[in-house]
Structure formats: structure tokens, C-alpha cells
Amino acid sequence: MNKTDGQISMPVIRRLPRYYRCLLTLEQNQTDKVSSKTLSELLGFTASQVRQDLNCFGGFGQQGCGYSVAVLKEKIEELLGIDKKKKVVIYGVGNLGRAIMCHFDFEKYGFEVSGLFDKNPELISTLLRGIEIRDDATVVDFIKENPVDVAFLCIPTLGAQSVVERLYSAGVRTFWNFSHFDIKANYPDCTVENVHLSESLMILSYLMTNKNTEE
């Protein structure tokens, strides 16, 4: 199977989770084979787009036979790294961090939380899903003793720079970033996925406002 080498466009990469969710549903419905035409109808892509996307990573199907749902799902799991365990610390266990910890099933995507950190004294030493919330002042020592692969940054932009500095000094180079602090501009060697809920909400507002002019 071909691996990404920088030549695969991010739009293609960002479509893969949609393929994966679709394949999970097909598998749950006990579907063994699926054609590019069926995938295109389920996903809203063209059949040509589906074939082009999947061919980027080494063709998984046979002409006239379609794709094996199980094989294609396994290949996308491998490509996305879902099949590999990744250790996580969550920094910020307020409303957002708590919601993510309690209601988002990130374990099935290969992420395993090893530490929770917050500066709120009322939260420190309490348990969340069986994991102790620790004083944020101890995060560097904790990571040095318990190496992690990624930090989930669930804090406001104000103060995020100093937090990232500390996490970076502890060796963290990958972030799932809910703050608006531009980590990549300050630390270009980091891998960052920014999650801006406000931007998504503004896009929704645009779509609502312009729903009669979208065609």
C-alpha cells in the first residue's frame, strides 16, 4: 500500500474520514462489496472522484467487482493511523475538555488518555473517567516520565502561548488545538490540527443566510 509522501493533497486526506464512516455503516449492514458508484451516491461525490481518491493510495478495487468493504476499511484505518495507539494528555478540563473526555469516543481512533491537567484548584485531584486531574504545574515532569504523542489543548487563546511553550519543552510536537493560538507559526516543526468551533458556526450562518443563492 502506498503511503502519503507529501504529494497527496490535503483535500483528499480530509475526505478519508467520510469514506471511513461510510464503510463502517456498510460493514454494520453486512455489505461485503461496494462500487465507486454506490460510494459516490452515499457520500455526494462523483464516482470519478471516488476512484481518483482511492487510487492515490494504490487501487483497492477491481473493475467490475467493486471494493471489498472490509479490506478498504482496514486500509483506510492503516493510512489514517487509527490502528496505532497514541498517548494523549488533555490540557484544560473545563467545560470543553470535560465534554471531549466524557462524550467523544476517541479511543476507537487510537487515542489513549494518560494525563489530565488543569489550573483550577477545585478540579485538581478529582477523577474524570477514572483518571486523576493533575495540577498544570506538574505537566512537564509528568510528560518527561510518561512520554506522550499528542496534547489536546482545550483552553482559551489567552495563556495558550505559555502552555504550548511548556508542552513543547517537554517534547510534545503534536497538538489537537481548540485555542486560537497559532502554534504552527511559532513552532513550525509541530504537527497541528486546529479546531475552531466559531469558524464552523460562522460558515453555518453564511449557509443559512445564503441558502437561496447556493445553486
Protein backbone atom coordinates (compact mmCIF):
# COMPACT_ATOMS: atom_id res chain seq x y z
CA MET A 1 0.00 0.00 0.00
CA ASN A 2 1.33 3.41 -0.91
CA LYS A 3 1.99 5.82 1.91
CA THR A 4 1.47 9.54 1.77
CA ASP A 5 4.70 11.30 0.85
CA GLY A 6 3.64 14.92 0.67
CA GLN A 7 2.25 14.57 -2.86
CA ILE A 8 -1.29 13.70 -1.74
CA SER A 9 -3.40 16.81 -1.36
CA MET A 10 -4.96 17.66 1.99
CA PRO A 11 -8.47 17.83 0.46
CA VAL A 12 -8.11 14.13 -0.39
CA ILE A 13 -6.81 13.32 3.10
CA ARG A 14 -9.69 15.22 4.68
CA ARG A 15 -12.20 13.20 2.70
CA LEU A 16 -10.90 9.89 4.08
CA PRO A 17 -12.80 10.07 7.39
CA ARG A 18 -16.03 10.36 5.41
CA TYR A 19 -15.12 7.23 3.47
CA TYR A 20 -14.31 5.50 6.73
CA ARG A 21 -17.62 6.38 8.40
CA CYS A 22 -19.48 5.24 5.29
CA LEU A 23 -17.61 1.93 5.25
CA LEU A 24 -18.36 1.38 8.94
CA THR A 25 -22.06 1.75 8.19
CA LEU A 26 -21.83 -0.61 5.22
CA GLU A 27 -19.98 -3.17 7.34
CA GLN A 28 -22.61 -2.91 10.08
CA ASN A 29 -25.23 -3.56 7.40
CA GLN A 30 -23.27 -6.69 6.39
CA THR A 31 -22.36 -5.32 2.96
CA ASP A 32 -19.36 -7.18 1.53
CA LYS A 33 -18.74 -5.25 -1.70
CA VAL A 34 -19.33 -1.67 -2.72
CA SER A 35 -18.88 0.05 -6.08
CA SER A 36 -17.47 3.52 -6.66
CA LYS A 37 -20.92 4.50 -7.95
CA THR A 38 -22.59 3.45 -4.69
CA LEU A 39 -19.94 5.21 -2.62
CA SER A 40 -20.43 8.35 -4.68
CA GLU A 41 -24.18 8.27 -4.08
CA LEU A 42 -23.76 7.74 -0.34
CA LEU A 43 -21.11 10.45 0.04
CA GLY A 44 -22.25 13.01 -2.51
CA PHE A 45 -19.03 12.74 -4.54
CA THR A 46 -18.78 11.76 -8.19
CA ALA A 47 -17.80 8.17 -8.97
CA SER A 48 -14.76 9.57 -10.75
CA GLN A 49 -13.77 11.48 -7.60
CA VAL A 50 -14.06 8.31 -5.51
CA ARG A 51 -11.84 6.35 -7.90
CA GLN A 52 -9.28 9.16 -8.06
CA ASP A 53 -9.16 9.49 -4.28
CA LEU A 54 -8.69 5.79 -3.64
CA ASN A 55 -6.21 5.35 -6.48
CA CYS A 56 -3.96 7.93 -4.80
CA PHE A 57 -3.12 5.29 -2.24
CA GLY A 58 -2.86 2.30 -4.54
CA GLY A 59 -6.04 0.89 -6.09
CA PHE A 60 -8.05 -1.29 -3.74
CA GLY A 61 -10.76 -2.42 -6.13
CA GLN A 62 -11.16 -4.49 -9.27
CA GLN A 63 -13.00 -3.20 -12.30
CA GLY A 64 -16.47 -4.69 -12.41
CA CYS A 65 -16.15 -6.16 -8.93
CA GLY A 66 -16.07 -3.07 -6.74
CA TYR A 67 -14.26 -2.71 -3.43
CA SER A 68 -14.16 -5.10 -0.52
CA VAL A 69 -15.71 -3.13 2.34
CA ALA A 70 -13.60 -4.90 4.99
CA VAL A 71 -10.33 -4.53 3.07
CA LEU A 72 -10.92 -0.90 2.15
CA LYS A 73 -11.88 -0.03 5.74
CA GLU A 74 -8.73 -1.75 7.02
CA LYS A 75 -6.53 0.11 4.50
CA ILE A 76 -8.01 3.48 5.46
CA GLU A 77 -7.53 2.62 9.16
CA GLU A 78 -3.89 1.90 8.40
CA LEU A 79 -3.47 5.03 6.32
CA LEU A 80 -5.04 7.28 8.96
CA GLY A 81 -3.11 5.54 11.74
CA ILE A 82 -6.28 4.52 13.55
CA ASP A 83 -4.72 1.09 14.06
CA LYS A 84 -1.85 2.59 16.11
CA LYS A 85 -2.06 3.60 19.78
CA LYS A 86 -1.28 7.24 20.55
CA LYS A 87 -0.79 8.53 24.09
CA VAL A 88 -2.59 11.78 24.93
CA VAL A 89 -2.60 14.47 27.57
CA ILE A 90 -5.58 16.79 27.77
CA TYR A 91 -4.65 20.27 28.95
CA GLY A 92 -7.69 22.13 30.20
CA VAL A 93 -10.52 20.16 31.80
CA GLY A 94 -13.17 22.88 31.89
CA ASN A 95 -16.45 22.55 30.02
CA LEU A 96 -14.83 21.79 26.66
CA GLY A 97 -12.15 19.41 27.92
CA ARG A 98 -14.64 17.60 30.12
CA ALA A 99 -17.11 17.24 27.25
CA ILE A 100 -14.41 15.81 24.99
CA MET A 101 -13.19 13.44 27.68
CA CYS A 102 -16.66 12.20 28.61
CA HIS A 103 -18.58 12.18 25.35
CA PHE A 104 -16.10 11.73 22.49
CA ASP A 105 -15.06 8.15 21.79
CA PHE A 106 -11.53 8.95 20.63
CA GLU A 107 -10.22 5.62 21.90
CA LYS A 108 -11.65 3.88 18.85
CA TYR A 109 -9.43 6.11 16.70
CA GLY A 110 -6.30 5.00 18.54
CA PHE A 111 -6.01 7.80 21.14
CA GLU A 112 -5.49 6.84 24.79
CA VAL A 113 -5.54 9.49 27.53
CA SER A 114 -2.72 9.14 30.04
CA GLY A 115 -2.99 12.51 31.80
CA LEU A 116 -5.42 15.35 32.53
CA PHE A 117 -4.23 18.81 33.58
CA ASP A 118 -5.87 21.99 34.76
CA LYS A 119 -5.02 25.04 36.87
CA ASN A 120 -8.38 25.18 38.67
CA PRO A 121 -7.68 24.11 42.28
CA GLU A 122 -11.24 22.82 42.62
CA LEU A 123 -10.60 20.25 39.89
CA ILE A 124 -7.14 19.08 40.95
CA SER A 125 -7.03 15.56 42.43
CA THR A 126 -10.60 14.80 41.32
CA LEU A 127 -11.25 11.91 38.95
CA LEU A 128 -12.69 12.03 35.45
CA ARG A 129 -13.40 8.66 33.85
CA GLY A 130 -11.06 7.15 36.39
CA ILE A 131 -8.12 9.46 35.61
CA GLU A 132 -6.85 11.96 38.16
CA ILE A 133 -6.84 15.62 37.15
CA ARG A 134 -3.39 16.96 37.97
CA ASP A 135 -2.05 20.42 38.70
CA ASP A 136 -0.93 22.00 35.44
CA ALA A 137 2.36 22.96 37.11
CA THR A 138 3.32 19.28 37.04
CA VAL A 139 2.72 18.70 33.32
CA VAL A 140 6.36 18.93 32.21
CA ASP A 141 7.58 16.45 34.81
CA PHE A 142 4.68 14.12 34.05
CA ILE A 143 5.38 14.06 30.32
CA LYS A 144 9.10 13.51 30.87
CA GLU A 145 8.24 10.46 32.98
CA ASN A 146 5.32 9.37 30.80
CA PRO A 147 6.07 10.27 27.16
CA VAL A 148 3.03 11.21 25.11
CA ASP A 149 2.40 11.55 21.38
CA VAL A 150 -0.08 14.43 21.35
CA ALA A 151 -1.65 17.12 23.54
CA PHE A 152 -5.29 18.12 23.29
CA LEU A 153 -5.30 21.85 24.02
CA CYS A 154 -8.74 22.72 25.42
CA ILE A 155 -8.06 26.21 26.75
CA PRO A 156 -8.76 29.81 25.68
CA THR A 157 -6.30 31.66 23.47
CA LEU A 158 -5.23 33.85 26.38
CA GLY A 159 -2.43 31.99 28.09
CA ALA A 160 -2.15 29.34 25.38
CA GLN A 161 1.31 30.51 24.29
CA SER A 162 2.88 29.83 27.68
CA VAL A 163 1.15 26.45 27.86
CA VAL A 164 2.45 25.45 24.42
CA GLU A 165 5.95 26.60 25.41
CA ARG A 166 5.89 24.24 28.39
CA LEU A 167 4.47 21.32 26.44
CA TYR A 168 7.00 21.91 23.68
CA SER A 169 9.84 21.97 26.21
CA ALA A 170 8.60 18.59 27.45
CA GLY A 171 8.90 17.17 23.94
CA VAL A 172 5.33 17.45 22.64
CA ARG A 173 5.28 18.14 18.90
CA THR A 174 1.69 17.29 18.00
CA PHE A 175 -1.43 19.20 19.06
CA TRP A 176 -5.19 19.00 18.66
CA ASN A 177 -5.72 22.70 19.18
CA PHE A 178 -9.05 24.20 20.27
CA SER A 179 -7.49 27.56 21.13
CA HIS A 180 -6.94 30.26 18.50
CA PHE A 181 -3.23 30.45 19.27
CA ASP A 182 -1.26 29.87 16.08
CA ILE A 183 1.03 27.05 17.18
CA LYS A 184 2.37 26.33 13.70
CA ALA A 185 3.56 29.92 13.17
CA ASN A 186 5.51 29.82 16.41
CA TYR A 187 6.66 26.20 16.22
CA PRO A 188 6.92 25.21 12.54
CA ASP A 189 8.21 21.73 13.38
CA CYS A 190 4.93 20.84 15.10
CA THR A 191 2.02 18.90 13.64
CA VAL A 192 -1.22 20.74 14.41
CA GLU A 193 -4.89 20.18 13.70
CA ASN A 194 -6.79 23.34 14.60
CA VAL A 195 -10.43 23.06 15.62
CA HIS A 196 -12.21 26.41 15.50
CA LEU A 197 -15.84 25.97 16.51
CA SER A 198 -16.56 29.65 15.95
CA GLU A 199 -15.40 29.42 12.33
CA SER A 200 -17.66 26.44 11.74
CA LEU A 201 -20.57 28.35 13.27
CA MET A 202 -19.89 31.35 11.02
CA ILE A 203 -19.91 29.05 7.98
CA LEU A 204 -23.26 27.70 9.14
CA SER A 205 -24.52 31.27 9.48
CA TYR A 206 -23.36 32.01 5.93
CA LEU A 207 -25.11 28.92 4.56
CA MET A 208 -28.32 29.89 6.35
CA THR A 209 -28.12 33.46 5.10
CA ASN A 210 -27.34 32.48 1.52
CA LYS A 211 -29.36 29.27 1.21
CA ASN A 212 -31.34 30.67 -1.72
CA THR A 213 -28.21 31.58 -3.70
CA GLU A 214 -26.12 28.43 -3.23
CA GLU A 215 -27.03 26.79 -6.54
